[in-house]
Amino acid sequence: MRQEYLEIAQKACIEERIGNWEIASELWMKSIEFSSKENKFWAEARFKFCYNRSKLNRRNHYSY
């Protein structure tokens, strides 16, 4: 399970770096089920951050 978590988290980080917030939040959400106790807090925090960024991007995109 640790390996699955690391692979998903790595993909999520890549998506964050290029600004694909929706994909990153989906990957972080998926990683939560594979995370250990110490990584669960981090995965949940990253999911919330990316999810909120994706909502902001959608709102700003449609406000024009």
Protein backbone atom coordinates (compact mmCIF):
# COMPACT_ATOMS: atom_id res chain seq x y z
CA MET A 1 0.00 0.00 0.00
CA ARG A 2 2.86 2.37 0.70
CA GLN A 3 4.09 2.02 -2.87
CA GLU A 4 0.64 2.81 -4.29
CA TYR A 5 0.42 5.89 -2.08
CA LEU A 6 3.84 7.11 -3.21
CA GLU A 7 3.04 6.60 -6.89
CA ILE A 8 -0.28 8.44 -6.66
CA ALA A 9 1.21 11.23 -4.54
CA GLN A 10 4.02 11.71 -7.06
CA LYS A 11 1.50 12.04 -9.91
CA ALA A 12 -0.54 14.50 -7.84
CA CYS A 13 2.55 16.64 -7.21
CA ILE A 14 3.31 16.77 -10.92
CA GLU A 15 -0.25 17.88 -11.68
CA GLU A 16 0.02 20.57 -8.98
CA ARG A 17 3.21 21.94 -10.51
CA ILE A 18 1.60 22.39 -13.92
CA GLY A 19 -1.60 23.81 -12.46
CA ASN A 20 -4.02 20.96 -13.13
CA TRP A 21 -5.80 21.47 -9.82
CA GLU A 22 -8.81 19.24 -10.53
CA ILE A 23 -6.69 16.27 -11.51
CA ALA A 24 -4.36 16.88 -8.56
CA SER A 25 -7.28 16.98 -6.12
CA GLU A 26 -8.69 13.74 -7.56
CA LEU A 27 -5.31 12.05 -7.20
CA TRP A 28 -4.87 13.29 -3.63
CA MET A 29 -8.35 12.01 -2.77
CA LYS A 30 -7.44 8.63 -4.23
CA SER A 31 -4.16 8.59 -2.29
CA ILE A 32 -5.99 8.98 1.03
CA GLU A 33 -7.23 5.38 0.90
CA PHE A 34 -3.65 4.12 0.47
CA SER A 35 -2.02 6.47 2.97
CA SER A 36 -0.62 5.44 6.31
CA LYS A 37 -1.57 7.21 9.50
CA GLU A 38 1.21 9.81 9.23
CA ASN A 39 0.59 10.50 5.53
CA LYS A 40 -3.19 10.74 5.80
CA PHE A 41 -3.10 14.25 7.27
CA TRP A 42 -0.80 15.44 4.46
CA ALA A 43 -2.92 13.82 1.74
CA GLU A 44 -6.13 15.34 3.14
CA ALA A 45 -4.52 18.79 3.41
CA ARG A 46 -3.22 18.64 -0.17
CA PHE A 47 -6.62 17.43 -1.40
CA LYS A 48 -8.40 20.37 0.26
CA PHE A 49 -5.85 22.86 -1.09
CA CYS A 50 -6.07 21.56 -4.68
CA TYR A 51 -9.85 21.26 -4.54
CA ASN A 52 -10.20 24.88 -3.43
CA ARG A 53 -7.77 26.03 -6.13
CA SER A 54 -9.78 24.20 -8.78
CA LYS A 55 -12.97 25.91 -7.56
CA LEU A 56 -11.25 29.31 -7.72
CA ASN A 57 -10.01 28.63 -11.24
CA ARG A 58 -13.49 27.65 -12.41
CA ARG A 59 -15.04 30.72 -10.81
CA ASN A 60 -12.45 33.06 -12.33
CA HIS A 61 -12.69 31.38 -15.72
CA TYR A 62 -16.45 31.86 -15.97
CA SER A 63 -16.54 35.37 -14.52
CA TYR A 64 -15.49 37.04 -17.77
